[in-house]
Amino acid sequence: VGAFYTPKLVIMDPNVLRTLPPREFRSGIYEIIKYGMIGDAPLFRFLEQKMERLLLRDPAVLDFVIQRSANQKARVVSSDERESGLREILNFGHTFAHALESVTRYRTYLHGEAVAWGMVAAAQLAVETKMLSARDAGRLINLIERVGPLPAWPKVAPARLISAMQADKKTRAGRLRFVLPERIGVVRCGVEADANLLAKTLRECALPRRRK
């Protein structure tokens, strides 16, 4: 409803996660990877080292990643409560994700799965625009693939996805703006992408080699 209220207390019980089906649990992990990419390189490295234990819901690993993710969210939101600048980094991967959810009528992807694909697409676009090294993009994509299978990229034309992206809240005067990674732990907001490079990125994401 557009209201902003700062919580007085946040309570987290990792035991509740044991009630989640595997796919729902994996969906949440993709968002944790996002926090590593947007501002916590040590968290990202931890995930690279401990992913198998996290997938097994190891209590010590869960405690660590939950606290790091919550601290990251609190840092960003407290610095930009009304989403006028820094808070945009929380939308890393989401411009693509929302388009994927829209064109599939919210019947194909859990939100975290769409975000995972969105991060893959954002990384590939960043490589195309020479912002991100192929090595760091490979690390991100490899970590996402280690989490588990994703529903396939939809069989839709890039133009249709780009049209769906126009509804994204970061769009300004009809111009798409993306949160793109510069390296592990650092992203840049408000990046406008060349239309041809964007379409090329969307076609590459649809290649069978990216399907699980």
Protein backbone atom coordinates (compact mmCIF):
# COMPACT_ATOMS: atom_id res chain seq x y z
CA VAL A 1 0.00 0.00 0.00
CA GLY A 2 3.02 2.27 -0.17
CA ALA A 3 3.55 2.64 3.57
CA PHE A 4 6.97 2.50 5.22
CA TYR A 5 7.37 1.13 8.73
CA THR A 6 10.66 0.18 10.35
CA PRO A 7 10.39 -3.11 12.29
CA LYS A 8 11.15 -2.98 15.99
CA LEU A 9 12.18 -6.63 16.09
CA VAL A 10 13.04 -9.39 13.63
CA ILE A 11 12.70 -13.00 14.76
CA MET A 12 14.20 -15.83 12.72
CA ASP A 13 13.79 -19.52 13.51
CA PRO A 14 15.91 -21.67 11.13
CA ASN A 15 14.02 -24.79 12.26
CA VAL A 16 10.99 -23.55 10.32
CA LEU A 17 13.00 -24.04 7.12
CA ARG A 18 12.87 -27.78 7.70
CA THR A 19 9.16 -27.66 6.84
CA LEU A 20 9.85 -26.40 3.31
CA PRO A 21 9.81 -28.73 0.28
CA PRO A 22 13.23 -28.92 -1.45
CA ARG A 23 12.21 -26.76 -4.39
CA GLU A 24 10.92 -23.96 -2.12
CA PHE A 25 14.10 -24.16 -0.05
CA ARG A 26 16.29 -23.89 -3.17
CA SER A 27 14.21 -20.93 -4.31
CA GLY A 28 15.26 -19.07 -1.17
CA ILE A 29 18.93 -19.90 -1.69
CA TYR A 30 18.96 -18.03 -4.98
CA GLU A 31 18.04 -14.86 -3.08
CA ILE A 32 20.93 -15.52 -0.67
CA ILE A 33 23.27 -15.71 -3.66
CA LYS A 34 21.89 -12.34 -4.69
CA TYR A 35 22.98 -10.84 -1.37
CA GLY A 36 26.48 -12.11 -1.92
CA MET A 37 26.61 -10.57 -5.39
CA ILE A 38 25.26 -7.15 -4.49
CA GLY A 39 27.47 -6.36 -1.52
CA ASP A 40 29.00 -9.27 0.38
CA ALA A 41 31.83 -11.02 -1.44
CA PRO A 42 32.78 -13.05 1.68
CA LEU A 43 29.22 -14.43 1.79
CA PHE A 44 29.50 -15.38 -1.87
CA ARG A 45 32.79 -17.21 -1.24
CA PHE A 46 31.22 -18.95 1.76
CA LEU A 47 28.39 -20.18 -0.45
CA GLU A 48 30.91 -21.48 -2.97
CA GLN A 49 32.63 -23.44 -0.20
CA LYS A 50 29.55 -24.62 1.73
CA MET A 51 26.76 -25.00 -0.84
CA GLU A 52 26.38 -28.74 -0.33
CA ARG A 53 26.04 -28.29 3.42
CA LEU A 54 23.54 -25.48 2.91
CA LEU A 55 21.43 -27.71 0.66
CA LEU A 56 21.43 -30.27 3.47
CA ARG A 57 20.14 -27.49 5.78
CA ASP A 58 23.13 -27.70 8.09
CA PRO A 59 22.17 -25.58 11.16
CA ALA A 60 25.52 -23.77 11.46
CA VAL A 61 25.56 -22.88 7.78
CA LEU A 62 21.94 -21.72 7.90
CA ASP A 63 22.65 -19.51 10.91
CA PHE A 64 25.55 -17.86 9.09
CA VAL A 65 23.81 -17.16 5.78
CA ILE A 66 20.57 -15.99 7.39
CA GLN A 67 22.38 -13.50 9.61
CA ARG A 68 24.54 -12.20 6.76
CA SER A 69 21.52 -11.81 4.48
CA ALA A 70 19.45 -10.05 7.14
CA ASN A 71 22.34 -7.71 7.98
CA GLN A 72 22.77 -6.87 4.31
CA LYS A 73 19.07 -6.11 3.88
CA ALA A 74 19.05 -3.99 7.04
CA ARG A 75 22.12 -2.04 5.91
CA VAL A 76 20.63 -1.22 2.53
CA VAL A 77 17.12 -0.39 3.73
CA SER A 78 18.29 1.75 6.64
CA SER A 79 20.48 3.72 4.24
CA ASP A 80 17.68 4.23 1.70
CA GLU A 81 14.33 3.67 3.39
CA ARG A 82 12.21 5.05 0.56
CA GLU A 83 14.08 3.45 -2.34
CA SER A 84 15.52 6.61 -3.85
CA GLY A 85 18.99 5.26 -4.63
CA LEU A 86 21.04 2.51 -2.98
CA ARG A 87 18.02 0.29 -2.33
CA GLU A 88 17.80 -0.41 -6.06
CA ILE A 89 20.62 -2.92 -5.66
CA LEU A 90 18.13 -5.27 -3.98
CA ASN A 91 16.50 -5.60 -7.41
CA PHE A 92 19.53 -7.30 -8.95
CA GLY A 93 18.16 -9.92 -11.34
CA HIS A 94 14.58 -8.77 -10.81
CA THR A 95 14.03 -6.83 -14.04
CA PHE A 96 14.50 -10.05 -15.97
CA ALA A 97 12.75 -12.11 -13.28
CA HIS A 98 9.55 -10.08 -13.33
CA ALA A 99 9.41 -10.34 -17.12
CA LEU A 100 9.86 -14.12 -16.95
CA GLU A 101 7.09 -14.40 -14.36
CA SER A 102 4.79 -12.18 -16.42
CA VAL A 103 5.16 -13.94 -19.78
CA THR A 104 4.62 -17.34 -18.12
CA ARG A 105 1.60 -16.03 -16.16
CA TYR A 106 3.25 -16.86 -12.83
CA ARG A 107 2.74 -20.60 -13.43
CA THR A 108 6.28 -21.74 -14.26
CA TYR A 109 8.72 -20.27 -11.76
CA LEU A 110 8.90 -19.80 -8.05
CA HIS A 111 10.07 -16.25 -7.46
CA GLY A 112 13.58 -17.26 -6.44
CA GLU A 113 13.89 -19.39 -9.58
CA ALA A 114 12.96 -16.42 -11.74
CA VAL A 115 15.51 -14.32 -9.85
CA ALA A 116 18.14 -16.99 -10.49
CA TRP A 117 17.51 -16.78 -14.22
CA GLY A 118 17.48 -12.99 -13.90
CA MET A 119 20.92 -13.01 -12.29
CA VAL A 120 22.23 -15.26 -15.07
CA ALA A 121 20.85 -12.86 -17.68
CA ALA A 122 22.18 -9.80 -15.84
CA ALA A 123 25.64 -11.35 -15.59
CA GLN A 124 25.67 -12.21 -19.29
CA LEU A 125 24.50 -8.71 -20.20
CA ALA A 126 27.23 -7.25 -17.99
CA VAL A 127 29.83 -9.36 -19.81
CA GLU A 128 28.46 -8.17 -23.16
CA THR A 129 28.76 -4.55 -22.03
CA LYS A 130 32.30 -5.17 -20.73
CA MET A 131 31.33 -4.38 -17.14
CA LEU A 132 31.93 -7.86 -15.72
CA SER A 133 34.66 -10.39 -16.39
CA ALA A 134 33.71 -13.71 -17.92
CA ARG A 135 35.39 -15.37 -14.92
CA ASP A 136 33.14 -13.69 -12.36
CA ALA A 137 30.07 -14.35 -14.51
CA GLY A 138 31.09 -18.00 -14.64
CA ARG A 139 31.41 -18.13 -10.85
CA LEU A 140 27.89 -16.77 -10.42
CA ILE A 141 26.33 -19.05 -13.02
CA ASN A 142 28.16 -22.08 -11.65
CA LEU A 143 26.97 -21.35 -8.11
CA ILE A 144 23.38 -21.00 -9.30
CA GLU A 145 23.62 -24.29 -11.20
CA ARG A 146 24.95 -26.05 -8.10
CA VAL A 147 21.77 -25.21 -6.19
CA GLY A 148 19.67 -27.47 -8.38
CA PRO A 149 17.44 -27.64 -11.44
CA LEU A 150 15.68 -24.56 -12.75
CA PRO A 151 12.57 -24.60 -14.93
CA ALA A 152 13.60 -23.99 -18.55
CA TRP A 153 13.84 -20.52 -20.05
CA PRO A 154 10.49 -19.82 -21.76
CA LYS A 155 10.12 -20.26 -25.51
CA VAL A 156 9.22 -16.65 -26.22
CA ALA A 157 10.77 -14.04 -28.48
CA PRO A 158 13.20 -11.54 -26.92
CA ALA A 159 10.88 -8.72 -28.02
CA ARG A 160 8.09 -10.09 -25.86
CA LEU A 161 10.34 -10.26 -22.79
CA ILE A 162 11.63 -6.74 -23.45
CA SER A 163 8.05 -5.49 -23.70
CA ALA A 164 7.26 -7.12 -20.34
CA MET A 165 10.31 -5.42 -18.81
CA GLN A 166 8.85 -2.01 -19.63
CA ALA A 167 6.60 -2.38 -16.58
CA ASP A 168 9.63 -2.56 -14.28
CA LYS A 169 9.69 0.19 -11.66
CA LYS A 170 13.28 1.12 -12.57
CA THR A 171 12.22 2.14 -16.09
CA ARG A 172 12.54 5.88 -16.69
CA ALA A 173 10.82 7.64 -19.62
CA GLY A 174 10.41 4.31 -21.34
CA ARG A 175 14.10 3.46 -21.06
CA LEU A 176 15.04 0.20 -19.37
CA ARG A 177 17.53 0.47 -16.52
CA PHE A 178 19.29 -2.53 -15.02
CA VAL A 179 21.23 -3.43 -11.90
CA LEU A 180 24.34 -5.09 -13.35
CA PRO A 181 27.35 -6.63 -11.58
CA GLU A 182 30.83 -5.16 -11.88
CA ARG A 183 32.47 -7.92 -9.86
CA ILE A 184 31.52 -10.34 -7.10
CA GLY A 185 30.09 -8.19 -4.31
CA VAL A 186 29.66 -4.99 -6.36
CA VAL A 187 26.79 -3.97 -8.64
CA ARG A 188 25.91 -0.78 -10.47
CA CYS A 189 22.38 0.68 -10.66
CA GLY A 190 20.70 2.53 -13.50
CA VAL A 191 22.59 0.91 -16.37
CA GLU A 192 20.92 1.36 -19.75
CA ALA A 193 21.62 -1.48 -22.17
CA ASP A 194 21.97 -1.40 -25.93
CA ALA A 195 18.85 -2.97 -27.44
CA ASN A 196 20.84 -5.34 -29.66
CA LEU A 197 22.99 -6.56 -26.77
CA LEU A 198 19.92 -7.06 -24.62
CA ALA A 199 18.22 -9.14 -27.32
CA LYS A 200 21.43 -11.14 -27.80
CA THR A 201 21.59 -11.85 -24.07
CA LEU A 202 17.99 -13.08 -24.03
CA ARG A 203 18.65 -15.39 -26.98
CA GLU A 204 21.74 -16.81 -25.25
CA CYS A 205 19.76 -17.55 -22.09
CA ALA A 206 17.36 -19.62 -24.19
CA LEU A 207 20.14 -21.89 -25.48
CA PRO A 208 19.74 -25.54 -24.39
CA ARG A 209 23.10 -25.55 -22.61
CA ARG A 210 21.59 -23.25 -19.96
CA ARG A 211 18.64 -25.53 -19.32
CA LYS A 212 18.48 -27.94 -16.41
